[in-house]
C-alpha atoms as a PDB file:
ATOM      1  CA  MET A   1     -68.100  29.558 -43.380  1.00  0.00           C
ATOM      2  CA  LYS A   2     -67.737  33.177 -44.450  1.00  0.00           C
ATOM      3  CA  ARG A   3     -64.670  33.567 -42.230  1.00  0.00           C
ATOM      4  CA  THR A   4     -63.059  30.516 -43.809  1.00  0.00           C
ATOM      5  CA  VAL A   5     -63.689  31.815 -47.329  1.00  0.00           C
ATOM      6  CA  PHE A   6     -62.334  35.238 -46.341  1.00  0.00           C
ATOM      7  CA  LEU A   7     -59.157  33.735 -44.861  1.00  0.00           C
ATOM      8  CA  LEU A   8     -58.575  31.573 -47.929  1.00  0.00           C
ATOM      9  CA  CYS A   9     -59.040  34.552 -50.247  1.00  0.00           C
ATOM     10  CA  THR A  10     -56.661  36.650 -48.126  1.00  0.00           C
ATOM     11  CA  LEU A  11     -54.061  33.875 -48.137  1.00  0.00           C
ATOM     12  CA  LEU A  12     -54.392  33.423 -51.906  1.00  0.00           C
ATOM     13  CA  ALA A  13     -54.102  37.156 -52.515  1.00  0.00           C
ATOM     14  CA  GLY A  14     -51.050  37.381 -50.257  1.00  0.00           C
ATOM     15  CA  THR A  15     -49.411  34.487 -52.090  1.00  0.00           C
ATOM     16  CA  VAL A  16     -50.080  36.071 -55.488  1.00  0.00           C
ATOM     17  CA  LEU A  17     -48.731  39.415 -54.301  1.00  0.00           C
ATOM     18  CA  THR A  18     -45.630  37.756 -52.863  1.00  0.00           C
ATOM     19  CA  PHE A  19     -44.832  35.955 -56.104  1.00  0.00           C
ATOM     20  CA  GLY A  20     -45.640  39.060 -58.108  1.00  0.00           C
ATOM     21  CA  GLN A  21     -43.306  41.129 -56.007  1.00  0.00           C
ATOM     22  CA  GLY A  22     -40.573  38.510 -56.453  1.00  0.00           C
ATOM     23  CA  ALA A  23     -41.023  38.551 -60.229  1.00  0.00           C
ATOM     24  CA  ARG A  24     -40.583  42.331 -60.242  1.00  0.00           C
ATOM     25  CA  ASN A  25     -37.007  41.847 -59.024  1.00  0.00           C
ATOM     26  CA  ILE A  26     -36.089  39.986 -62.224  1.00  0.00           C
ATOM     27  CA  LYS A  27     -34.646  42.411 -64.792  1.00  0.00           C
ATOM     28  CA  ILE A  28     -33.428  42.224 -68.379  1.00  0.00           C
ATOM     29  CA  ASN A  29     -29.800  43.085 -67.743  1.00  0.00           C
ATOM     30  CA  GLU A  30     -27.882  42.674 -71.011  1.00  0.00           C
ATOM     31  CA  VAL A  31     -28.676  41.777 -74.653  1.00  0.00           C
ATOM     32  CA  MET A  32     -26.469  40.819 -77.611  1.00  0.00           C
ATOM     33  CA  THR A  33     -28.007  40.497 -81.069  1.00  0.00           C
ATOM     34  CA  CYS A  34     -24.895  39.928 -83.225  1.00  0.00           C
ATOM     35  CA  ASN A  35     -22.769  37.214 -81.680  1.00  0.00           C
ATOM     36  CA  LYS A  36     -19.733  36.434 -83.809  1.00  0.00           C
ATOM     37  CA  SER A  37     -17.001  35.524 -81.325  1.00  0.00           C
ATOM     38  CA  ASN A  38     -18.676  35.826 -77.944  1.00  0.00           C
ATOM     39  CA  LEU A  39     -20.643  33.254 -75.931  1.00  0.00           C
ATOM     40  CA  GLN A  40     -21.117  29.722 -77.284  1.00  0.00           C
ATOM     41  CA  ASP A  41     -23.919  27.281 -76.521  1.00  0.00           C
ATOM     42  CA  GLU A  42     -23.592  23.566 -75.790  1.00  0.00           C
ATOM     43  CA  TYR A  43     -23.158  22.803 -79.478  1.00  0.00           C
ATOM     44  CA  GLY A  44     -20.430  25.366 -80.091  1.00  0.00           C
ATOM     45  CA  ARG A  45     -22.770  27.738 -81.925  1.00  0.00           C
ATOM     46  CA  ARG A  46     -23.008  31.474 -81.322  1.00  0.00           C
ATOM     47  CA  ASN A  47     -26.524  32.870 -81.147  1.00  0.00           C
ATOM     48  CA  ALA A  48     -28.015  36.089 -79.905  1.00  0.00           C
ATOM     49  CA  TRP A  49     -28.577  36.013 -76.175  1.00  0.00           C
ATOM     50  CA  ILE A  50     -30.349  37.802 -73.336  1.00  0.00           C
ATOM     51  CA  GLU A  51     -29.244  37.970 -69.705  1.00  0.00           C
ATOM     52  CA  LEU A  52     -31.649  38.153 -66.755  1.00  0.00           C
ATOM     53  CA  ALA A  53     -30.531  39.364 -63.327  1.00  0.00           C
ATOM     54  CA  ASN A  54     -32.108  38.805 -59.924  1.00  0.00           C
ATOM     55  CA  THR A  55     -31.695  42.199 -58.242  1.00  0.00           C
ATOM     56  CA  SER A  56     -33.120  41.065 -54.899  1.00  0.00           C
ATOM     57  CA  PHE A  57     -31.521  39.233 -51.980  1.00  0.00           C
ATOM     58  CA  SER A  58     -33.885  36.256 -52.178  1.00  0.00           C
ATOM     59  CA  THR A  59     -34.163  33.285 -54.522  1.00  0.00           C
ATOM     60  CA  TYR A  60     -36.691  33.296 -57.338  1.00  0.00           C
ATOM     61  CA  ASP A  61     -37.388  30.691 -60.021  1.00  0.00           C
ATOM     62  CA  VAL A  62     -38.033  32.218 -63.464  1.00  0.00           C
ATOM     63  CA  ARG A  63     -39.406  29.012 -65.000  1.00  0.00           C
ATOM     64  CA  GLY A  64     -42.808  29.597 -66.561  1.00  0.00           C
ATOM     65  CA  MET A  65     -42.076  33.270 -67.269  1.00  0.00           C
ATOM     66  CA  PHE A  66     -42.164  34.498 -70.888  1.00  0.00           C
ATOM     67  CA  ILE A  67     -39.657  36.296 -73.127  1.00  0.00           C
ATOM     68  CA  THR A  68     -40.720  37.839 -76.421  1.00  0.00           C
ATOM     69  CA  THR A  69     -39.424  40.104 -79.164  1.00  0.00           C
ATOM     70  CA  ASP A  70     -42.823  40.553 -80.834  1.00  0.00           C
ATOM     71  CA  ARG A  71     -44.483  43.900 -80.148  1.00  0.00           C
ATOM     72  CA  ARG A  72     -47.887  42.509 -81.025  1.00  0.00           C
ATOM     73  CA  VAL A  73     -48.170  41.247 -77.465  1.00  0.00           C
ATOM     74  CA  LEU A  74     -48.812  44.861 -76.410  1.00  0.00           C
ATOM     75  CA  ASP A  75     -52.263  44.695 -77.984  1.00  0.00           C
ATOM     76  CA  LYS A  76     -54.683  44.764 -75.045  1.00  0.00           C
ATOM     77  CA  ASN A  77     -57.397  43.125 -77.103  1.00  0.00           C
ATOM     78  CA  LEU A  78     -55.475  39.869 -77.255  1.00  0.00           C
ATOM     79  CA  THR A  79     -56.552  37.027 -75.055  1.00  0.00           C
ATOM     80  CA  VAL A  80     -54.035  35.347 -72.773  1.00  0.00           C
ATOM     81  CA  ALA A  81     -53.780  32.378 -75.113  1.00  0.00           C
ATOM     82  CA  GLN A  82     -53.191  34.629 -78.132  1.00  0.00           C
ATOM     83  CA  ARG A  83     -50.550  36.616 -76.285  1.00  0.00           C
ATOM     84  CA  THR A  84     -48.632  33.632 -74.929  1.00  0.00           C
ATOM     85  CA  ALA A  85     -48.610  32.124 -78.430  1.00  0.00           C
ATOM     86  CA  LEU A  86     -46.369  35.061 -79.447  1.00  0.00           C
ATOM     87  CA  MET A  87     -43.974  34.436 -76.558  1.00  0.00           C
ATOM     88  CA  SER A  88     -41.291  31.934 -75.592  1.00  0.00           C
ATOM     89  CA  SER A  89     -41.838  30.234 -72.251  1.00  0.00           C
ATOM     90  CA  ILE A  90     -38.850  29.609 -69.993  1.00  0.00           C
ATOM     91  CA  PRO A  91     -38.989  25.815 -69.523  1.00  0.00           C
ATOM     92  CA  SER A  92     -38.591  23.920 -66.282  1.00  0.00           C
ATOM     93  CA  GLY A  93     -36.198  21.106 -65.522  1.00  0.00           C
ATOM     94  CA  ASP A  94     -33.015  23.152 -65.140  1.00  0.00           C
ATOM     95  CA  ASN A  95     -31.616  24.276 -61.791  1.00  0.00           C
ATOM     96  CA  ARG A  96     -30.194  27.401 -63.414  1.00  0.00           C
ATOM     97  CA  THR A  97     -33.698  28.879 -63.679  1.00  0.00           C
ATOM     98  CA  SER A  98     -33.771  29.061 -59.856  1.00  0.00           C
ATOM     99  CA  MET A  99     -31.903  32.324 -59.432  1.00  0.00           C
ATOM    100  CA  SER A 100     -30.282  33.051 -56.088  1.00  0.00           C
ATOM    101  CA  ALA A 101     -29.713  36.549 -54.749  1.00  0.00           C
ATOM    102  CA  ARG A 102     -27.844  38.787 -57.235  1.00  0.00           C
ATOM    103  CA  GLU A 103     -27.478  35.869 -59.639  1.00  0.00           C
ATOM    104  CA  HIS A 104     -27.583  35.969 -63.472  1.00  0.00           C
ATOM    105  CA  VAL A 105     -28.779  33.552 -66.135  1.00  0.00           C
ATOM    106  CA  VAL A 106     -28.296  33.734 -69.930  1.00  0.00           C
ATOM    107  CA  PHE A 107     -30.836  32.480 -72.500  1.00  0.00           C
ATOM    108  CA  PHE A 108     -30.041  31.984 -76.187  1.00  0.00           C
ATOM    109  CA  LEU A 109     -32.427  33.448 -78.768  1.00  0.00           C
ATOM    110  CA  ASN A 110     -33.225  32.217 -82.320  1.00  0.00           C
ATOM    111  CA  GLY A 111     -33.383  28.630 -81.096  1.00  0.00           C
ATOM    112  CA  ASN A 112     -35.943  26.043 -80.054  1.00  0.00           C
ATOM    113  CA  LYS A 113     -36.697  23.993 -76.947  1.00  0.00           C
ATOM    114  CA  THR A 114     -35.162  20.817 -78.350  1.00  0.00           C
ATOM    115  CA  GLN A 115     -31.708  22.407 -78.151  1.00  0.00           C
ATOM    116  CA  GLY A 116     -31.875  22.791 -74.363  1.00  0.00           C
ATOM    117  CA  THR A 117     -33.712  24.497 -71.520  1.00  0.00           C
ATOM    118  CA  LEU A 118     -31.793  27.739 -72.052  1.00  0.00           C
ATOM    119  CA  HIS A 119     -32.747  28.029 -75.743  1.00  0.00           C
ATOM    120  CA  LEU A 120     -35.785  30.160 -76.659  1.00  0.00           C
ATOM    121  CA  GLN A 121     -37.672  30.660 -79.900  1.00  0.00           C
ATOM    122  CA  ALA A 122     -37.760  34.449 -79.589  1.00  0.00           C
ATOM    123  CA  LYS A 123     -36.089  36.032 -82.648  1.00  0.00           C
ATOM    124  CA  ALA A 124     -33.418  38.731 -82.704  1.00  0.00           C
ATOM    125  CA  GLU A 125     -32.091  39.639 -86.153  1.00  0.00           C
ATOM    126  CA  SER A 126     -28.405  40.446 -86.378  1.00  0.00           C
ATOM    127  CA  GLY A 127     -27.555  44.113 -87.015  1.00  0.00           C
ATOM    128  CA  LYS A 128     -31.160  45.307 -86.515  1.00  0.00           C
ATOM    129  CA  PRO A 129     -32.871  46.981 -83.542  1.00  0.00           C
ATOM    130  CA  VAL A 130     -35.108  44.752 -81.459  1.00  0.00           C
ATOM    131  CA  TRP A 131     -37.617  45.138 -78.653  1.00  0.00           C
ATOM    132  CA  VAL A 132     -37.311  42.541 -75.870  1.00  0.00           C
ATOM    133  CA  ALA A 133     -39.867  42.024 -73.107  1.00  0.00           C
ATOM    134  CA  LEU A 134     -40.170  39.825 -70.014  1.00  0.00           C
ATOM    135  CA  TYR A 135     -43.665  38.756 -68.910  1.00  0.00           C
ATOM    136  CA  ASP A 136     -44.798  37.043 -65.743  1.00  0.00           C
ATOM    137  CA  GLY A 137     -46.061  33.482 -65.808  1.00  0.00           C
ATOM    138  CA  ASN A 138     -49.672  34.588 -66.190  1.00  0.00           C
ATOM    139  CA  GLY A 139     -48.855  36.014 -69.644  1.00  0.00           C
ATOM    140  CA  VAL A 140     -50.448  39.339 -68.710  1.00  0.00           C
ATOM    141  CA  ASP A 141     -48.122  41.294 -66.398  1.00  0.00           C
ATOM    142  CA  LEU A 142     -45.227  42.996 -68.163  1.00  0.00           C
ATOM    143  CA  ILE A 143     -42.225  42.713 -65.815  1.00  0.00           C
ATOM    144  CA  ASP A 144     -39.525  44.461 -67.876  1.00  0.00           C
ATOM    145  CA  SER A 145     -38.780  45.535 -71.429  1.00  0.00           C
ATOM    146  CA  VAL A 146     -36.065  47.322 -73.406  1.00  0.00           C
ATOM    147  CA  SER A 147     -35.578  48.612 -76.941  1.00  0.00           C
ATOM    148  CA  VAL A 148     -32.176  47.458 -78.137  1.00  0.00           C
ATOM    149  CA  PRO A 149     -30.559  49.564 -80.877  1.00  0.00           C
ATOM    150  CA  ALA A 150     -28.752  48.076 -83.857  1.00  0.00           C
ATOM    151  CA  LEU A 151     -25.493  46.633 -82.560  1.00  0.00           C
ATOM    152  CA  ASP A 152     -22.241  45.817 -84.265  1.00  0.00           C
ATOM    153  CA  ALA A 153     -20.663  42.406 -83.958  1.00  0.00           C
ATOM    154  CA  ASP A 154     -19.943  41.234 -80.385  1.00  0.00           C
ATOM    155  CA  ARG A 155     -21.279  44.425 -78.818  1.00  0.00           C
ATOM    156  CA  SER A 156     -24.011  44.304 -76.188  1.00  0.00           C
ATOM    157  CA  TYR A 157     -26.629  46.651 -74.854  1.00  0.00           C
ATOM    158  CA  ALA A 158     -26.505  46.540 -71.059  1.00  0.00           C
ATOM    159  CA  ARG A 159     -27.460  48.386 -67.928  1.00  0.00           C
ATOM    160  CA  VAL A 160     -24.694  50.513 -66.428  1.00  0.00           C
ATOM    161  CA  ARG A 161     -25.136  48.556 -63.209  1.00  0.00           C
ATOM    162  CA  ASP A 162     -27.338  45.585 -62.407  1.00  0.00           C
ATOM    163  CA  GLY A 163     -30.912  46.831 -62.196  1.00  0.00           C
ATOM    164  CA  ALA A 164     -29.982  50.460 -63.018  1.00  0.00           C
ATOM    165  CA  ASP A 165     -32.198  52.570 -65.283  1.00  0.00           C
ATOM    166  CA  GLN A 166     -29.304  53.741 -67.477  1.00  0.00           C
ATOM    167  CA  TRP A 167     -28.231  51.629 -70.471  1.00  0.00           C
ATOM    168  CA  GLU A 168     -25.096  51.705 -72.587  1.00  0.00           C
ATOM    169  CA  VAL A 169     -23.519  49.974 -75.564  1.00  0.00           C
ATOM    170  CA  LYS A 170     -20.586  47.841 -74.455  1.00  0.00           C
ATOM    171  CA  SER A 171     -17.506  47.149 -76.496  1.00  0.00           C
ATOM    172  CA  PRO A 172     -16.529  43.514 -77.212  1.00  0.00           C
ATOM    173  CA  GLY A 173     -13.898  43.592 -74.473  1.00  0.00           C
ATOM    174  CA  SER A 174     -16.331  44.732 -71.762  1.00  0.00           C
ATOM    175  CA  VAL A 175     -19.254  42.393 -72.451  1.00  0.00           C
ATOM    176  CA  THR A 176     -20.175  40.452 -69.279  1.00  0.00           C
ATOM    177  CA  PRO A 177     -22.629  37.575 -69.882  1.00  0.00           C
ATOM    178  CA  GLY A 178     -23.583  35.820 -66.654  1.00  0.00           C
ATOM    179  CA  ILE A 179     -21.816  38.252 -64.288  1.00  0.00           C
ATOM    180  CA  GLU A 180     -22.266  41.757 -62.904  1.00  0.00           C
ATOM    181  CA  ASN A 181     -22.323  44.373 -65.651  1.00  0.00           C
ATOM    182  CA  PHE A 182     -19.929  46.858 -64.127  1.00  0.00           C
ATOM    183  CA  VAL A 183     -17.176  44.342 -63.334  1.00  0.00           C
ATOM    184  CA  GLN A 184     -14.757  44.113 -66.231  1.00  0.00           C
ATOM    185  CA  ALA A 185     -12.915  40.928 -67.035  1.00  0.00           C
ATOM    186  CA  ASN A 186      -9.508  42.378 -66.085  1.00  0.00           C
ATOM    187  CA  GLU A 187     -10.658  44.143 -62.915  1.00  0.00           C
ATOM    188  CA  THR A 188      -8.891  42.983 -59.768  1.00  0.00           C
ATOM    189  CA  LYS A 189     -10.556  42.530 -56.408  1.00  0.00           C
ATOM    190  CA  ILE A 190      -8.713  45.567 -55.047  1.00  0.00           C
ATOM    191  CA  ALA A 191      -9.906  47.697 -57.949  1.00  0.00           C
ATOM    192  CA  LYS A 192     -13.451  46.476 -57.438  1.00  0.00           C
ATOM    193  CA  LEU A 193     -13.239  47.286 -53.722  1.00  0.00           C
ATOM    194  CA  LYS A 194     -11.984  50.803 -54.485  1.00  0.00           C
ATOM    195  CA  ARG A 195     -14.783  51.300 -56.959  1.00  0.00           C
ATOM    196  CA  GLU A 196     -17.532  50.064 -54.659  1.00  0.00           C
ATOM    197  CA  ASP A 197     -16.139  51.755 -51.521  1.00  0.00           C
ATOM    198  CA  PRO A 198     -14.063  54.753 -52.636  1.00  0.00           C
ATOM    199  CA  HIS A 199     -13.958  56.409 -49.202  1.00  0.00           C
ATOM    200  CA  GLY A 200     -13.239  53.232 -47.275  1.00  0.00           C
ATOM    201  CA  ILE A 201     -16.268  53.627 -45.002  1.00  0.00           C
ATOM    202  CA  GLY A 202     -17.556  50.117 -45.564  1.00  0.00           C
ATOM    203  CA  ILE A 203     -14.245  48.373 -44.973  1.00  0.00           C
ATOM    204  CA  THR A 204     -13.641  50.537 -41.876  1.00  0.00           C
ATOM    205  CA  VAL A 205     -16.987  49.665 -40.339  1.00  0.00           C
ATOM    206  CA  LEU A 206     -16.452  46.002 -41.178  1.00  0.00           C
ATOM    207  CA  SER A 207     -12.940  45.845 -39.709  1.00  0.00           C
ATOM    208  CA  MET A 208     -13.907  47.743 -36.538  1.00  0.00           C
ATOM    209  CA  GLY A 209     -16.929  45.520 -36.124  1.00  0.00           C
ATOM    210  CA  ILE A 210     -14.746  42.415 -36.343  1.00  0.00           C
ATOM    211  CA  VAL A 211     -12.272  43.857 -33.802  1.00  0.00           C
ATOM    212  CA  PHE A 212     -14.969  44.796 -31.280  1.00  0.00           C
ATOM    213  CA  PHE A 213     -16.678  41.465 -31.746  1.00  0.00           C
ATOM    214  CA  CYS A 214     -13.414  39.616 -31.021  1.00  0.00           C
ATOM    215  CA  LEU A 215     -12.771  41.783 -27.941  1.00  0.00           C
ATOM    216  CA  ALA A 216     -16.276  41.153 -26.649  1.00  0.00           C
ATOM    217  CA  LEU A 217     -15.786  37.437 -27.242  1.00  0.00           C
ATOM    218  CA  LEU A 218     -12.479  37.439 -25.341  1.00  0.00           C
ATOM    219  CA  TYR A 219     -13.978  39.431 -22.447  1.00  0.00           C
ATOM    220  CA  THR A 220     -16.890  37.011 -22.178  1.00  0.00           C
ATOM    221  CA  PHE A 221     -14.563  34.001 -22.274  1.00  0.00           C
ATOM    222  CA  PHE A 222     -12.181  35.263 -19.566  1.00  0.00           C
ATOM    223  CA  ARG A 223     -15.070  36.523 -17.446  1.00  0.00           C
ATOM    224  CA  ILE A 224     -16.666  33.089 -17.443  1.00  0.00           C
ATOM    225  CA  LEU A 225     -13.263  31.476 -16.843  1.00  0.00           C
ATOM    226  CA  GLY A 226     -12.613  33.746 -13.819  1.00  0.00           C
ATOM    227  CA  ILE A 227     -15.986  32.944 -12.284  1.00  0.00           C
ATOM    228  CA  PHE A 228     -15.375  29.236 -12.825  1.00  0.00           C
ATOM    229  CA  MET A 229     -11.921  29.337 -11.215  1.00  0.00           C
ATOM    230  CA  ALA A 230     -13.226  31.312  -8.221  1.00  0.00           C
ATOM    231  CA  HIS A 231     -15.958  28.752  -7.637  1.00  0.00           C
ATOM    232  CA  LYS A 232     -13.430  25.950  -8.084  1.00  0.00           C
ATOM    233  CA  GLN A 233     -11.186  27.355  -5.308  1.00  0.00           C
ATOM    234  CA  ALA A 234     -14.171  27.781  -3.017  1.00  0.00           C
ATOM    235  CA  LEU A 235     -15.188  24.181  -3.622  1.00  0.00           C
ATOM    236  CA  LYS A 236     -11.658  22.986  -2.834  1.00  0.00           C
ATOM    237  CA  LYS A 237     -11.630  24.859   0.490  1.00  0.00           C
ATOM    238  CA  ALA A 238     -15.025  23.496   1.378  1.00  0.00           C
ATOM    239  CA  GLY A 239     -13.835  19.988   0.537  1.00  0.00           C
ATOM    240  CA  ARG A 240     -10.979  20.182   3.055  1.00  0.00           C
ATOM    241  CA  ILE A 241     -13.383  20.747   5.942  1.00  0.00           C
ATOM    242  CA  GLN A 242     -14.857  17.660   7.594  1.00  0.00           C
ATOM    243  CA  PRO A 243     -18.267  18.929   8.598  1.00  0.00           C
ATOM    244  CA  ILE A 244     -19.449  15.621  10.123  1.00  0.00           C
ATOM    245  CA  LYS A 245     -16.402  15.197  12.362  1.00  0.00           C
ATOM    246  CA  ALA A 246     -16.588  18.805  13.508  1.00  0.00           C
ATOM    247  CA  ALA A 247     -20.278  18.444  14.257  1.00  0.00           C
ATOM    248  CA  VAL A 248     -19.653  15.253  16.300  1.00  0.00           C
ATOM    249  CA  LYS A 249     -16.934  16.918  18.398  1.00  0.00           C
ATOM    250  CA  THR A 250     -19.147  19.929  18.993  1.00  0.00           C
ATOM    251  CA  GLY A 251     -21.981  17.665  20.090  1.00  0.00           C
ATOM    252  CA  GLU A 252     -19.679  15.816  22.523  1.00  0.00           C
ATOM    253  CA  LYS A 253     -18.489  19.090  24.062  1.00  0.00           C
ATOM    254  CA  ILE A 254     -22.049  20.273  24.469  1.00  0.00           C
ATOM    255  CA  VAL A 255     -23.051  17.015  26.203  1.00  0.00           C
ATOM    256  CA  GLU A 256     -19.969  17.139  28.468  1.00  0.00           C
ATOM    257  CA  THR A 257     -20.591  20.747  29.450  1.00  0.00           C
ATOM    258  CA  GLY A 258     -24.243  20.040  30.098  1.00  0.00           C
ATOM    259  CA  HIS A 259     -23.382  17.118  32.364  1.00  0.00           C
ATOM    260  CA  LYS A 260     -20.857  19.151  34.352  1.00  0.00           C
ATOM    261  CA  THR A 261     -23.346  21.948  34.755  1.00  0.00           C
ATOM    262  CA  LYS A 262     -25.953  19.509  36.003  1.00  0.00           C
ATOM    263  CA  VAL A 263     -23.516  18.068  38.592  1.00  0.00           C
ATOM    264  CA  ILE A 264     -22.483  21.507  39.840  1.00  0.00           C
ATOM    265  CA  LEU A 265     -26.087  22.551  40.259  1.00  0.00           C
ATOM    266  CA  LYS A 266     -26.830  19.342  42.196  1.00  0.00           C
ATOM    267  CA  ASP A 267     -23.721  18.893  44.380  1.00  0.00           C
ATOM    268  CA  GLY A 268     -22.120  22.325  44.475  1.00  0.00           C
ATOM    269  CA  LEU A 269     -18.997  23.952  43.093  1.00  0.00           C
ATOM    270  CA  GLN A 270     -16.633  21.821  45.207  1.00  0.00           C
ATOM    271  CA  THR A 271     -17.183  18.840  42.918  1.00  0.00           C
ATOM    272  CA  GLY A 272     -15.807  20.730  39.935  1.00  0.00           C
ATOM    273  CA  GLY A 273     -18.563  19.246  37.887  1.00  0.00           C
ATOM    274  CA  ILE A 274     -17.283  15.690  38.381  1.00  0.00           C
ATOM    275  CA  ASP A 275     -19.912  13.139  39.247  1.00  0.00           C
ATOM    276  CA  LYS A 276     -19.638  11.271  42.651  1.00  0.00           C
ATOM    277  CA  GLU A 277     -19.812   8.024  40.794  1.00  0.00           C
ATOM    278  CA  ILE A 278     -16.432   8.798  39.287  1.00  0.00           C
ATOM    279  CA  TYR A 279     -14.914   9.278  42.787  1.00  0.00           C
ATOM    280  CA  ILE A 280     -16.460   5.990  43.955  1.00  0.00           C
ATOM    281  CA  ALA A 281     -15.103   4.218  40.891  1.00  0.00           C
ATOM    282  CA  VAL A 282     -11.609   5.617  41.485  1.00  0.00           C
ATOM    283  CA  ILE A 283     -11.624   4.550  45.160  1.00  0.00           C
ATOM    284  CA  ALA A 284     -12.924   1.118  44.211  1.00  0.00           C
ATOM    285  CA  MET A 285     -10.129   0.719  41.687  1.00  0.00           C
ATOM    286  CA  ALA A 286      -7.570   1.751  44.287  1.00  0.00           C
ATOM    287  CA  LEU A 287      -8.856  -0.793  46.776  1.00  0.00           C
ATOM    288  CA  LYS A 288      -8.817  -3.466  44.080  1.00  0.00           C
ATOM    289  CA  GLN A 289      -5.185  -2.712  43.316  1.00  0.00           C
ATOM    290  CA  TYR A 290      -4.383  -2.743  47.051  1.00  0.00           C
ATOM    291  CA  GLU A 291      -5.850  -6.167  47.481  1.00  0.00           C
ATOM    292  CA  ASP A 292      -3.929  -7.401  44.424  1.00  0.00           C
ATOM    293  CA  ASP A 293      -0.647  -6.018  45.815  1.00  0.00           C
ATOM    294  CA  VAL A 294      -0.235  -3.722  42.864  1.00  0.00           C
ATOM    295  CA  HIS A 295       0.370  -0.585  44.995  1.00  0.00           C
ATOM    296  CA  ASP A 296       3.595   0.312  46.808  1.00  0.00           C
ATOM    297  CA  ILE A 297       3.599  -0.561  50.508  1.00  0.00           C
ATOM    298  CA  GLU A 298       3.479   2.447  52.830  1.00  0.00           C
ATOM    299  CA  SER A 299       1.892   2.789  56.265  1.00  0.00           C
ATOM    300  CA  ASN A 300      -1.466   4.585  56.385  1.00  0.00           C
ATOM    301  CA  ILE A 301      -1.078   5.775  52.783  1.00  0.00           C
ATOM    302  CA  ILE A 302      -2.851   4.473  49.717  1.00  0.00           C
ATOM    303  CA  THR A 303      -0.862   5.213  46.627  1.00  0.00           C
ATOM    304  CA  ILE A 304      -2.546   4.966  43.233  1.00  0.00           C
ATOM    305  CA  LYS A 305      -0.085   4.615  40.422  1.00  0.00           C
ATOM    306  CA  PRO A 306      -1.013   5.996  37.021  1.00  0.00           C
ATOM    307  CA  HIS A 307      -2.881   3.509  34.933  1.00  0.00           C
ATOM    308  CA  HIS A 308      -4.207   4.567  31.565  1.00  0.00           C
ATOM    309  CA  THR A 309      -7.863   3.674  31.451  1.00  0.00           C
ATOM    310  CA  ASN A 310     -11.036   5.422  30.397  1.00  0.00           C
ATOM    311  CA  TRP A 311     -11.415   6.596  34.031  1.00  0.00           C
ATOM    312  CA  ASN A 312      -8.016   8.280  34.227  1.00  0.00           C
ATOM    313  CA  ILE A 313      -9.063  11.938  34.565  1.00  0.00           C
ATOM    314  CA  TYR A 314      -6.643  12.869  37.413  1.00  0.00           C
ATOM    315  CA  PRO A 315      -3.009  13.824  37.450  1.00  0.00           C
ATOM    316  CA  GLU A 316      -0.438  11.121  37.079  1.00  0.00           C
ATOM    317  CA  GLU A 317      -0.350  10.340  40.781  1.00  0.00           C
ATOM    318  CA  THR A 318      -3.111  10.946  43.343  1.00  0.00           C
ATOM    319  CA  ILE A 319      -2.544  10.189  46.973  1.00  0.00           C
ATOM    320  CA  ILE A 320      -5.575   9.675  49.178  1.00  0.00           C
ATOM    321  CA  PRO A 321      -4.759   9.665  52.916  1.00  0.00           C
END
């Protein structure tokens, strides 16, 4: 029982730490308090806005987190309920709150929830400094905060780079809601590449890696192809051989040689390994032909003319006196 409770507590603590660590990757990235000709909401109105950035390489959903511009939440004597009452909760029901790696989302201030899921009640007065804070979903852990100075119309207060500690005031032409802070609207891809990789090390490593990968892929392909073709030729050669026929002929030769050897051992070398029964059969055939008048007539000579039978193992003409 104690082990089970301990495992559950460990799992719960690990889950809390994991979510807490994920929330720490969400940063306040850019703020505009005086929006005259910048970003519009769904109704065509221009309100103050705040941009959050996910600085990690994993997805995190910010729904349930809190945004506030009221410094009273810093009072440690407040209960959780009292503190969250001074905050604006990021509502659920919008896929944009699920922030992918390096993604941004913009929330409008000075609004209310009825205007949409990206509208918050947190106030930001135009032309005045404001303190903005981001709290975790428990309403206790302060994730990020920034003191925004008084800004002129259409200027923003933003990090130099996403997640960087340095902040700067951006001119109206360089404000970047919903995208990376350092990328300007007129910056080309080549200019961005030069900025991010001025010495060309990254592109060199990438290009060489692609080349070596392609070479390794080609080597593997042709190596496998060569092995396959070699085995294919060997199979063709093996297919041309008739192993059964060769084995039968070899067996017949062995039987014939064994028989001849047996005859020689029994009757001597004069027989040449030919069985006496063969001689008797040949003589009997000659006599049969003589009686049938098949042979040529000569005195005291029996002539056996060649006759192709299974017993024909002699030269074409054998004369027996």
